[in-house]
Protein backbone atom coordinates (compact mmCIF):
# COMPACT_ATOMS: atom_id res chain seq x y z
CA MET A 1 40.57 28.21 160.30
CA SER A 2 41.93 31.43 161.23
CA THR A 3 39.85 34.47 161.11
CA GLN A 4 41.25 38.04 160.57
CA ALA A 5 40.04 40.64 162.50
CA PRO A 6 37.53 43.38 160.75
CA VAL A 7 39.88 46.59 159.86
CA SER A 8 38.03 49.40 161.56
CA PRO A 9 38.05 52.50 159.01
CA ALA A 10 40.19 55.53 159.60
CA PRO A 11 38.29 58.17 161.35
CA ALA A 12 36.63 60.99 160.02
CA MET A 13 38.35 64.35 160.04
CA LYS A 14 36.01 66.85 161.93
CA PRO A 15 34.99 69.45 159.87
CA GLY A 16 36.51 72.30 161.73
CA ARG A 17 39.90 70.95 161.60
CA ALA A 18 39.56 70.81 157.77
CA ARG A 19 38.46 74.44 157.33
CA ARG A 20 41.86 75.22 159.65
CA ARG A 21 44.04 73.44 157.40
CA ARG A 22 42.78 75.05 154.26
CA ARG A 23 42.93 78.45 155.63
CA LEU A 24 46.51 77.97 157.08
CA SER A 25 47.48 76.33 153.23
CA LEU A 26 45.37 79.80 151.75
CA ILE A 27 47.75 81.81 154.34
CA ILE A 28 50.80 80.29 153.46
CA GLN A 29 50.61 80.46 149.83
CA ALA A 30 49.18 84.26 149.78
CA ALA A 31 52.31 84.78 151.89
CA VAL A 32 54.57 83.25 149.22
CA PHE A 33 53.39 84.92 146.59
CA VAL A 34 53.63 88.30 148.52
CA LEU A 35 57.40 87.79 149.24
CA ALA A 36 58.01 86.74 145.50
CA LEU A 37 56.31 90.09 144.47
CA VAL A 38 58.15 91.82 146.94
CA VAL A 39 61.79 90.22 145.79
CA LEU A 40 61.03 90.87 142.16
CA ALA A 41 60.09 94.40 143.76
CA VAL A 42 63.40 94.74 145.26
CA LEU A 43 65.20 92.89 142.46
CA ILE A 44 63.80 95.20 139.16
CA ASP A 45 65.83 98.31 138.30
CA TRP A 46 62.56 100.33 137.60
CA GLY A 47 64.56 103.42 135.73
CA ALA A 48 65.98 100.85 133.26
CA LEU A 49 62.69 99.12 132.66
CA ALA A 50 60.76 102.51 132.26
CA GLU A 51 62.92 103.75 130.17
CA ASN A 52 63.85 100.15 128.17
CA VAL A 53 60.35 99.03 128.18
CA LEU A 54 57.26 101.35 129.16
CA ASN A 55 58.81 104.65 127.11
CA PHE A 56 55.67 104.85 126.20
CA PRO A 57 56.16 108.90 124.70
CA ALA A 58 59.03 107.81 122.46
CA VAL A 59 56.94 105.39 120.57
CA ALA A 60 54.41 108.35 119.76
CA PRO A 61 55.56 108.48 116.06
CA MET A 62 54.32 105.07 115.74
CA PHE A 63 50.95 105.84 116.06
CA PRO A 64 48.89 106.48 113.93
CA ASN A 65 49.64 104.34 111.66
CA VAL A 66 50.13 101.20 113.77
CA ILE A 67 46.67 101.09 114.26
CA LEU A 68 45.52 101.83 110.94
CA VAL A 69 47.76 100.11 108.74
CA GLY A 70 49.20 97.37 111.42
CA LEU A 71 46.71 96.55 112.87
CA GLY A 72 44.27 97.02 109.96
CA ASN A 73 46.84 94.86 107.79
CA THR A 74 46.93 91.78 110.56
CA LEU A 75 43.49 91.38 110.81
CA PHE A 76 42.88 91.48 106.94
CA TYR A 77 45.41 88.98 107.06
CA THR A 78 43.85 86.72 109.59
CA VAL A 79 40.45 87.22 107.94
CA THR A 80 41.41 86.25 104.58
CA SER A 81 43.37 83.57 105.02
CA PHE A 82 41.20 82.03 107.78
CA VAL A 83 38.40 82.26 104.97
CA VAL A 84 40.15 80.55 102.35
CA GLY A 85 41.89 77.90 104.96
CA LEU A 86 37.83 77.17 105.93
CA LEU A 87 36.83 76.50 102.41
CA GLY A 88 39.50 74.50 101.81
CA GLY A 89 39.16 72.67 105.30
CA ILE A 90 35.49 71.48 104.42
CA VAL A 91 36.57 70.32 100.80
CA LEU A 92 38.87 68.25 102.76
CA ALA A 93 37.82 67.46 105.68
CA LEU A 94 34.91 65.86 102.91
CA MET A 95 37.60 63.95 101.02
CA ARG A 96 38.90 62.42 103.96
CA LEU A 97 35.39 60.82 105.06
CA SER A 98 34.53 59.77 101.36
CA SER A 99 34.13 56.35 100.30
CA PHE A 100 36.39 56.66 97.02
CA GLY A 101 40.22 55.82 98.10
CA PRO A 102 41.97 58.13 96.21
CA TYR A 103 39.95 61.08 97.12
CA ARG A 104 40.94 60.08 100.73
CA TRP A 105 44.43 59.11 100.36
CA LEU A 106 44.96 62.86 98.53
CA ALA A 107 43.16 64.63 101.35
CA THR A 108 45.33 62.38 104.00
CA ALA A 109 49.11 63.36 102.00
CA TYR A 110 47.78 67.29 101.48
CA VAL A 111 46.87 67.50 105.58
CA GLU A 112 50.38 65.43 106.42
CA PHE A 113 52.48 67.23 104.50
CA PHE A 114 51.11 71.17 105.01
CA ARG A 115 50.87 69.78 109.36
CA GLY A 116 54.34 68.94 109.16
CA VAL A 117 55.68 71.87 107.10
CA PRO A 118 56.76 75.10 109.49
CA ALA A 119 54.40 77.91 107.99
CA LEU A 120 57.48 79.94 107.39
CA LEU A 121 58.79 77.58 105.11
CA VAL A 122 55.61 77.87 103.15
CA PHE A 123 55.66 81.65 103.16
CA LEU A 124 59.03 81.15 101.90
CA ALA A 125 57.78 79.02 99.01
CA PHE A 126 54.84 80.88 97.90
CA GLY A 127 56.72 84.99 98.21
CA TYR A 128 60.20 83.69 96.63
CA GLY A 129 60.13 80.17 94.95
CA VAL A 130 57.14 80.05 93.30
CA PRO A 131 57.53 83.05 91.40
CA PHE A 132 61.14 82.22 90.35
CA ALA A 133 60.01 78.84 89.25
CA PHE A 134 57.54 79.78 87.17
CA GLY A 135 57.80 83.59 86.45
CA VAL A 136 55.04 85.02 87.87
CA SER A 137 54.94 87.66 90.49
CA TRP A 138 51.76 87.83 93.33
CA PRO A 139 50.76 90.44 95.41
CA ILE A 140 51.74 90.35 99.11
CA PRO A 141 47.89 90.24 100.52
CA VAL A 142 47.76 87.15 97.64
CA VAL A 143 51.13 85.54 99.22
CA VAL A 144 49.48 85.75 102.96
CA MET A 145 46.10 84.73 101.70
CA ALA A 146 47.56 81.26 99.80
CA ALA A 147 50.26 80.68 102.50
CA LEU A 148 48.46 80.58 105.53
CA GLY A 149 45.43 79.40 104.08
CA MET A 150 46.87 76.57 102.98
CA VAL A 151 48.30 75.97 106.04
CA SER A 152 44.86 76.19 108.36
CA ALA A 153 43.32 74.25 106.12
CA ALA A 154 45.02 71.23 106.74
CA TYR A 155 44.40 71.92 110.60
CA ILE A 156 40.77 73.16 109.89
CA ALA A 157 40.23 69.88 107.85
CA GLU A 158 40.99 67.68 110.70
CA THR A 159 38.94 69.52 113.58
CA LEU A 160 35.68 69.57 111.05
CA ARG A 161 36.24 65.81 110.13
CA ALA A 162 36.46 65.20 114.43
CA GLY A 163 32.83 67.17 113.95
CA LEU A 164 31.32 65.36 111.25
CA GLN A 165 32.21 62.23 112.87
CA ALA A 166 30.91 63.62 115.91
CA VAL A 167 27.46 63.73 114.21
CA PRO A 168 25.18 60.95 114.97
CA ARG A 169 24.46 58.58 112.12
CA GLY A 170 21.09 58.57 112.66
CA GLN A 171 20.66 62.40 111.28
CA MET A 172 22.11 60.89 108.34
CA GLU A 173 20.03 57.84 107.96
CA ALA A 174 16.87 60.36 108.49
CA ALA A 175 17.44 62.40 106.27
CA ARG A 176 17.65 59.66 103.57
CA SER A 177 14.77 57.71 104.72
CA LEU A 178 13.15 61.35 103.93
CA GLY A 179 14.25 60.69 100.28
CA MET A 180 16.94 63.46 100.17
CA PRO A 181 20.17 63.73 98.65
CA THR A 182 22.95 62.89 100.58
CA TRP A 183 24.54 66.05 98.98
CA ARG A 184 21.89 67.66 100.40
CA ALA A 185 21.10 65.83 103.64
CA MET A 186 24.94 66.85 104.52
CA VAL A 187 25.14 70.48 103.65
CA THR A 188 21.76 71.35 105.51
CA ILE A 189 21.89 69.03 108.70
CA VAL A 190 25.29 67.45 108.96
CA ILE A 191 27.70 70.01 108.47
CA PRO A 192 25.68 72.90 110.04
CA GLN A 193 25.47 70.51 113.45
CA ALA A 194 29.47 69.55 112.86
CA PHE A 195 29.92 73.35 113.15
CA ARG A 196 28.44 73.96 116.27
CA ILE A 197 30.34 70.82 117.85
CA VAL A 198 33.52 72.20 116.79
CA LEU A 199 33.08 76.20 117.24
CA PRO A 200 36.11 76.68 119.90
CA PRO A 201 38.41 74.36 118.08
CA LEU A 202 37.80 76.96 115.02
CA THR A 203 38.27 79.74 117.20
CA ASN A 204 41.79 79.38 118.69
CA GLU A 205 42.40 78.46 115.11
CA VAL A 206 41.51 82.16 113.97
CA ILE A 207 44.29 83.09 117.37
CA LEU A 208 46.73 80.83 115.80
CA LEU A 209 46.38 82.55 112.42
CA THR A 210 46.22 86.33 113.93
CA LYS A 211 50.14 84.89 115.40
CA ASP A 212 50.85 83.49 112.04
CA SER A 213 50.45 86.62 110.14
CA SER A 214 53.44 88.00 112.12
CA LEU A 215 55.66 85.63 109.70
CA VAL A 216 54.48 87.65 106.63
CA TYR A 217 57.52 90.12 107.10
CA VAL A 218 60.03 87.25 105.67
CA LEU A 219 58.40 88.68 102.07
CA GLY A 220 59.87 92.12 102.27
CA LEU A 221 56.68 95.01 102.84
CA ALA A 222 55.77 98.18 101.42
CA ALA A 223 54.75 100.66 103.78
CA HIS A 224 51.22 99.92 103.36
CA GLU A 225 51.67 96.39 103.77
CA TYR A 226 53.11 96.41 107.09
CA GLU A 227 51.40 94.28 110.08
CA LEU A 228 51.89 94.70 113.64
CA THR A 229 54.76 92.85 114.03
CA LYS A 230 56.58 94.70 111.10
CA PHE A 231 56.34 98.06 113.21
CA GLY A 232 57.17 96.85 116.41
CA ARG A 233 60.58 95.36 114.56
CA ASP A 234 61.17 98.87 112.93
CA GLY A 235 60.84 101.10 116.24
CA ILE A 236 63.26 98.96 117.69
CA SER A 237 65.81 100.01 114.95
CA ALA A 238 63.94 103.76 114.31
CA LEU A 239 62.86 104.85 117.96
CA ASP A 240 65.20 105.48 121.17
CA ALA A 241 62.70 103.01 122.71
CA GLY A 242 64.43 99.78 123.60
CA MET A 243 61.63 97.10 123.58
CA THR A 244 58.69 99.88 123.73
CA PRO A 245 57.97 99.16 120.18
CA ILE A 246 57.40 95.27 120.28
CA LEU A 247 55.72 95.89 123.62
CA VAL A 248 53.03 97.81 121.68
CA ALA A 249 52.67 95.30 119.14
CA GLY A 250 51.77 92.76 121.63
CA LEU A 251 49.13 94.74 123.11
CA PHE A 252 47.62 95.28 119.94
CA TYR A 253 47.78 91.51 119.70
CA LEU A 254 46.20 90.86 122.66
CA VAL A 255 43.28 93.46 121.65
CA ILE A 256 42.87 90.50 119.26
CA THR A 257 43.23 87.35 120.87
CA VAL A 258 42.08 87.86 124.22
CA PRO A 259 38.43 88.77 123.09
CA LEU A 260 38.81 85.49 120.65
CA SER A 261 39.74 83.46 123.67
CA LEU A 262 36.96 84.51 125.54
CA LEU A 263 34.86 83.78 122.70
CA ALA A 264 36.45 80.39 122.81
CA ARG A 265 35.93 79.81 126.36
CA ARG A 266 31.79 80.66 126.16
CA PHE A 267 32.04 78.50 123.06
CA GLU A 268 33.14 75.52 125.17
CA THR A 269 31.22 76.08 128.06
CA ARG A 270 28.13 75.97 126.30
CA SER A 271 28.65 73.12 124.33
CA THR A 272 29.31 71.39 127.73
CA LYS A 273 26.35 72.81 128.93
CA LYS A 274 24.30 71.36 126.37
CA GLY A 275 26.09 67.80 126.29
CA HIS A 276 24.60 67.62 129.27
């Protein structure tokens, strides 16, 4: 019977050598980064950039309406659509979890349809299709609330369904054992806990709604209904400032979305700490 010689473990790297390797890696990465910046700075036509992208004095006519009207309408469209989507999402999530089959089938069909159809088509359907088919005329805010609200309801429903299923079953069982009706236990115990779980993805949904509100331009807007993207598009044709109007609109979108992203990250960090 042959015996195999034991394999000796590979010698561990000395701490000093590991530190030198990490330092050398950081130096190489920093050198590559600096070199890329230098090459970029050499290749950029700074005059054309200042004239066509960073020509902020030329966009002065956009102010203050881009803030009072554009930013204000973007926030209004986002908030109202989120409220509609949240209410619809709660109903759809409960229907998805219902023991009554037709409720589940109807909610599933709704969610799959509105998650699979582009939001632009929903805007066109509510802005042009429904008025043409039924002879009704809706104000732009109502069209935006209906279109964005119905699309966001499908995504929020799935998020809330996952949150409701993440709440331990013992919570509902304990409430029922105390004589609490199912609907009351769901409203006062289960749903609040589910909301705490899904706060980060709900915050991300608000960010998506903020960006999707730019699709309202396809409806043809009056001046008092403009949002940020419409101001940027009109600024390109009306002002001799190149892409600067679009850049201004993008910066105002960042004013909304960056704080929301930081808030979502804080919610995620807090939920992770509670999970541990």
